[in-house]
Amino acid sequence: MHRFPARVYYEDTDTAGIVYYANYLRFLERGRTEFLRELGFQQSALAGRRVAFAVRAVQAEYLKPARLDDLLTV
């Protein structure tokens, strides 16, 4: 199982210091990129060969808010 640590920065949050809901997808994309890198695929090299991995569907259930400075595991 691949795990990716992601720190919550000020830019990820709303005025209350809580992660804006759409930014969770950014964390997931970073984790996916690092997972592919771990498998030996670099997205920049693949893009040069006109190969891309497309997300077909995403489902999210927000159970607890992430806050400024939290360290998340993606």
N, C-alpha and C. Protein backbone atom coordinates (compact mmCIF):
# COMPACT_ATOMS: atom_id res chain seq x y z
N MET A 1 0.84 -1.17 0.00
CA MET A 1 0.00 0.00 0.00
C MET A 1 0.89 1.24 0.00
N HIS A 2 0.61 2.15 -0.90
CA HIS A 2 1.38 3.39 -0.99
C HIS A 2 0.79 4.43 -0.05
N ARG A 3 1.65 5.13 0.66
CA ARG A 3 1.22 6.23 1.54
C ARG A 3 2.04 7.46 1.18
N PHE A 4 1.37 8.61 1.21
CA PHE A 4 2.01 9.87 0.86
C PHE A 4 1.67 10.90 1.93
N PRO A 5 2.68 11.47 2.62
CA PRO A 5 2.40 12.51 3.62
C PRO A 5 2.13 13.84 2.94
N ALA A 6 1.11 14.53 3.38
CA ALA A 6 0.76 15.83 2.80
C ALA A 6 0.46 16.81 3.94
N ARG A 7 1.21 17.88 3.99
CA ARG A 7 0.99 18.92 5.00
C ARG A 7 -0.07 19.88 4.49
N VAL A 8 -0.95 20.33 5.38
CA VAL A 8 -1.96 21.32 5.02
C VAL A 8 -1.34 22.70 5.18
N TYR A 9 -1.29 23.43 4.07
CA TYR A 9 -0.73 24.78 4.06
C TYR A 9 -1.86 25.81 4.06
N TYR A 10 -1.49 27.03 4.35
CA TYR A 10 -2.45 28.13 4.39
C TYR A 10 -3.25 28.21 3.09
N GLU A 11 -2.57 28.03 1.96
CA GLU A 11 -3.23 28.12 0.65
C GLU A 11 -4.30 27.04 0.44
N ASP A 12 -4.26 25.96 1.23
CA ASP A 12 -5.23 24.87 1.10
C ASP A 12 -6.52 25.13 1.87
N THR A 13 -6.52 26.17 2.71
CA THR A 13 -7.62 26.35 3.64
C THR A 13 -8.51 27.54 3.28
N ASP A 14 -9.68 27.54 3.92
CA ASP A 14 -10.58 28.70 3.79
C ASP A 14 -10.27 29.66 4.95
N THR A 15 -11.09 30.66 5.13
CA THR A 15 -10.82 31.66 6.16
C THR A 15 -10.92 31.12 7.58
N ALA A 16 -11.57 29.97 7.75
CA ALA A 16 -11.67 29.35 9.07
C ALA A 16 -10.50 28.41 9.35
N GLY A 17 -9.56 28.29 8.39
CA GLY A 17 -8.42 27.40 8.59
C GLY A 17 -8.72 25.94 8.30
N ILE A 18 -9.82 25.67 7.64
CA ILE A 18 -10.23 24.30 7.29
C ILE A 18 -9.98 24.10 5.80
N VAL A 19 -9.52 22.89 5.45
CA VAL A 19 -9.23 22.60 4.05
C VAL A 19 -10.50 22.75 3.21
N TYR A 20 -10.38 23.53 2.17
CA TYR A 20 -11.47 23.70 1.21
C TYR A 20 -11.71 22.36 0.54
N TYR A 21 -12.96 21.95 0.42
CA TYR A 21 -13.31 20.59 0.02
C TYR A 21 -12.65 20.14 -1.29
N ALA A 22 -12.55 21.00 -2.27
CA ALA A 22 -11.97 20.61 -3.56
C ALA A 22 -10.47 20.36 -3.47
N ASN A 23 -9.82 20.91 -2.46
CA ASN A 23 -8.37 20.72 -2.33
C ASN A 23 -8.00 19.31 -1.92
N TYR A 24 -8.94 18.53 -1.40
CA TYR A 24 -8.63 17.14 -1.10
C TYR A 24 -8.25 16.41 -2.39
N LEU A 25 -8.84 16.79 -3.50
CA LEU A 25 -8.50 16.17 -4.78
C LEU A 25 -7.06 16.49 -5.17
N ARG A 26 -6.58 17.65 -4.80
CA ARG A 26 -5.17 17.98 -5.05
C ARG A 26 -4.25 17.05 -4.28
N PHE A 27 -4.59 16.81 -3.01
CA PHE A 27 -3.79 15.88 -2.21
C PHE A 27 -3.79 14.49 -2.84
N LEU A 28 -4.95 14.07 -3.31
CA LEU A 28 -5.05 12.75 -3.95
C LEU A 28 -4.22 12.68 -5.22
N GLU A 29 -4.23 13.75 -6.01
CA GLU A 29 -3.45 13.78 -7.25
C GLU A 29 -1.96 13.72 -6.95
N ARG A 30 -1.53 14.42 -5.92
CA ARG A 30 -0.11 14.36 -5.54
C ARG A 30 0.27 12.94 -5.11
N GLY A 31 -0.62 12.32 -4.35
CA GLY A 31 -0.37 10.94 -3.93
C GLY A 31 -0.32 9.99 -5.12
N ARG A 32 -1.19 10.18 -6.08
CA ARG A 32 -1.21 9.33 -7.27
C ARG A 32 0.07 9.51 -8.07
N THR A 33 0.53 10.76 -8.20
CA THR A 33 1.77 11.03 -8.93
C THR A 33 2.95 10.35 -8.25
N GLU A 34 3.02 10.43 -6.93
CA GLU A 34 4.12 9.79 -6.20
C GLU A 34 4.03 8.27 -6.27
N PHE A 35 2.82 7.73 -6.28
CA PHE A 35 2.64 6.28 -6.43
C PHE A 35 3.16 5.82 -7.79
N LEU A 36 2.81 6.55 -8.84
CA LEU A 36 3.31 6.21 -10.17
C LEU A 36 4.83 6.32 -10.22
N ARG A 37 5.39 7.35 -9.59
CA ARG A 37 6.84 7.51 -9.55
C ARG A 37 7.48 6.33 -8.85
N GLU A 38 6.88 5.88 -7.75
CA GLU A 38 7.40 4.73 -7.02
C GLU A 38 7.40 3.47 -7.89
N LEU A 39 6.43 3.38 -8.81
CA LEU A 39 6.35 2.24 -9.73
C LEU A 39 7.28 2.39 -10.94
N GLY A 40 7.97 3.54 -11.02
CA GLY A 40 8.92 3.76 -12.11
C GLY A 40 8.38 4.58 -13.26
N PHE A 41 7.23 5.18 -13.09
CA PHE A 41 6.64 6.02 -14.14
C PHE A 41 6.73 7.48 -13.74
N GLN A 42 7.41 8.28 -14.55
CA GLN A 42 7.44 9.72 -14.32
C GLN A 42 6.48 10.37 -15.29
N GLN A 43 5.56 11.15 -14.76
CA GLN A 43 4.53 11.74 -15.60
C GLN A 43 5.13 12.63 -16.68
N SER A 44 6.23 13.32 -16.40
CA SER A 44 6.84 14.18 -17.41
C SER A 44 7.37 13.36 -18.59
N ALA A 45 7.97 12.21 -18.30
CA ALA A 45 8.47 11.33 -19.37
C ALA A 45 7.31 10.74 -20.16
N LEU A 46 6.24 10.36 -19.46
CA LEU A 46 5.07 9.80 -20.14
C LEU A 46 4.40 10.84 -21.03
N ALA A 47 4.33 12.08 -20.55
CA ALA A 47 3.71 13.16 -21.33
C ALA A 47 4.48 13.38 -22.63
N GLY A 48 5.79 13.24 -22.57
CA GLY A 48 6.60 13.38 -23.77
C GLY A 48 6.31 12.31 -24.80
N ARG A 49 5.78 11.18 -24.33
CA ARG A 49 5.40 10.08 -25.23
C ARG A 49 3.90 10.07 -25.49
N ARG A 50 3.25 11.16 -25.05
CA ARG A 50 1.80 11.33 -25.25
C ARG A 50 0.98 10.25 -24.53
N VAL A 51 1.45 9.88 -23.33
CA VAL A 51 0.75 8.92 -22.48
C VAL A 51 0.30 9.65 -21.23
N ALA A 52 -0.94 9.45 -20.84
CA ALA A 52 -1.47 10.09 -19.63
C ALA A 52 -2.43 9.14 -18.94
N PHE A 53 -2.53 9.29 -17.65
CA PHE A 53 -3.49 8.54 -16.85
C PHE A 53 -4.63 9.47 -16.52
N ALA A 54 -5.82 9.14 -16.95
CA ALA A 54 -6.97 10.00 -16.72
C ALA A 54 -7.82 9.45 -15.57
N VAL A 55 -8.29 10.35 -14.74
CA VAL A 55 -9.21 9.97 -13.67
C VAL A 55 -10.61 9.91 -14.27
N ARG A 56 -11.23 8.78 -14.13
CA ARG A 56 -12.55 8.57 -14.72
C ARG A 56 -13.67 8.94 -13.74
N ALA A 57 -13.45 8.67 -12.47
CA ALA A 57 -14.48 8.95 -11.47
C ALA A 57 -13.82 9.14 -10.10
N VAL A 58 -14.45 9.96 -9.29
CA VAL A 58 -14.00 10.19 -7.93
C VAL A 58 -15.23 10.25 -7.03
N GLN A 59 -15.14 9.59 -5.88
CA GLN A 59 -16.20 9.68 -4.89
C GLN A 59 -15.54 10.02 -3.57
N ALA A 60 -16.07 10.99 -2.88
CA ALA A 60 -15.48 11.41 -1.61
C ALA A 60 -16.54 11.54 -0.55
N GLU A 61 -16.19 11.13 0.64
CA GLU A 61 -17.06 11.30 1.80
C GLU A 61 -16.23 12.02 2.86
N TYR A 62 -16.64 13.19 3.23
CA TYR A 62 -15.90 14.02 4.16
C TYR A 62 -16.36 13.72 5.59
N LEU A 63 -15.48 13.08 6.35
CA LEU A 63 -15.84 12.64 7.69
C LEU A 63 -15.36 13.59 8.78
N LYS A 64 -14.21 14.22 8.55
CA LYS A 64 -13.62 15.09 9.55
C LYS A 64 -12.77 16.13 8.83
N PRO A 65 -12.87 17.39 9.20
CA PRO A 65 -12.10 18.41 8.48
C PRO A 65 -10.61 18.33 8.77
N ALA A 66 -9.82 18.59 7.75
CA ALA A 66 -8.38 18.77 7.94
C ALA A 66 -8.16 20.27 8.14
N ARG A 67 -7.20 20.59 8.98
CA ARG A 67 -6.97 21.98 9.34
C ARG A 67 -5.54 22.41 9.06
N LEU A 68 -5.34 23.70 9.06
CA LEU A 68 -4.03 24.29 8.83
C LEU A 68 -2.97 23.60 9.67
N ASP A 69 -1.86 23.23 9.05
CA ASP A 69 -0.69 22.58 9.67
C ASP A 69 -0.86 21.09 9.95
N ASP A 70 -2.05 20.52 9.72
CA ASP A 70 -2.22 19.07 9.88
C ASP A 70 -1.30 18.34 8.91
N LEU A 71 -0.84 17.17 9.33
CA LEU A 71 -0.09 16.28 8.45
C LEU A 71 -1.03 15.13 8.08
N LEU A 72 -1.38 15.04 6.82
CA LEU A 72 -2.30 14.02 6.35
C LEU A 72 -1.53 12.85 5.75
N THR A 73 -2.14 11.69 5.76
CA THR A 73 -1.60 10.53 5.05
C THR A 73 -2.57 10.23 3.93
N VAL A 74 -2.05 10.35 2.70
CA VAL A 74 -2.87 10.10 1.52
C VAL A 74 -2.54 8.69 1.05
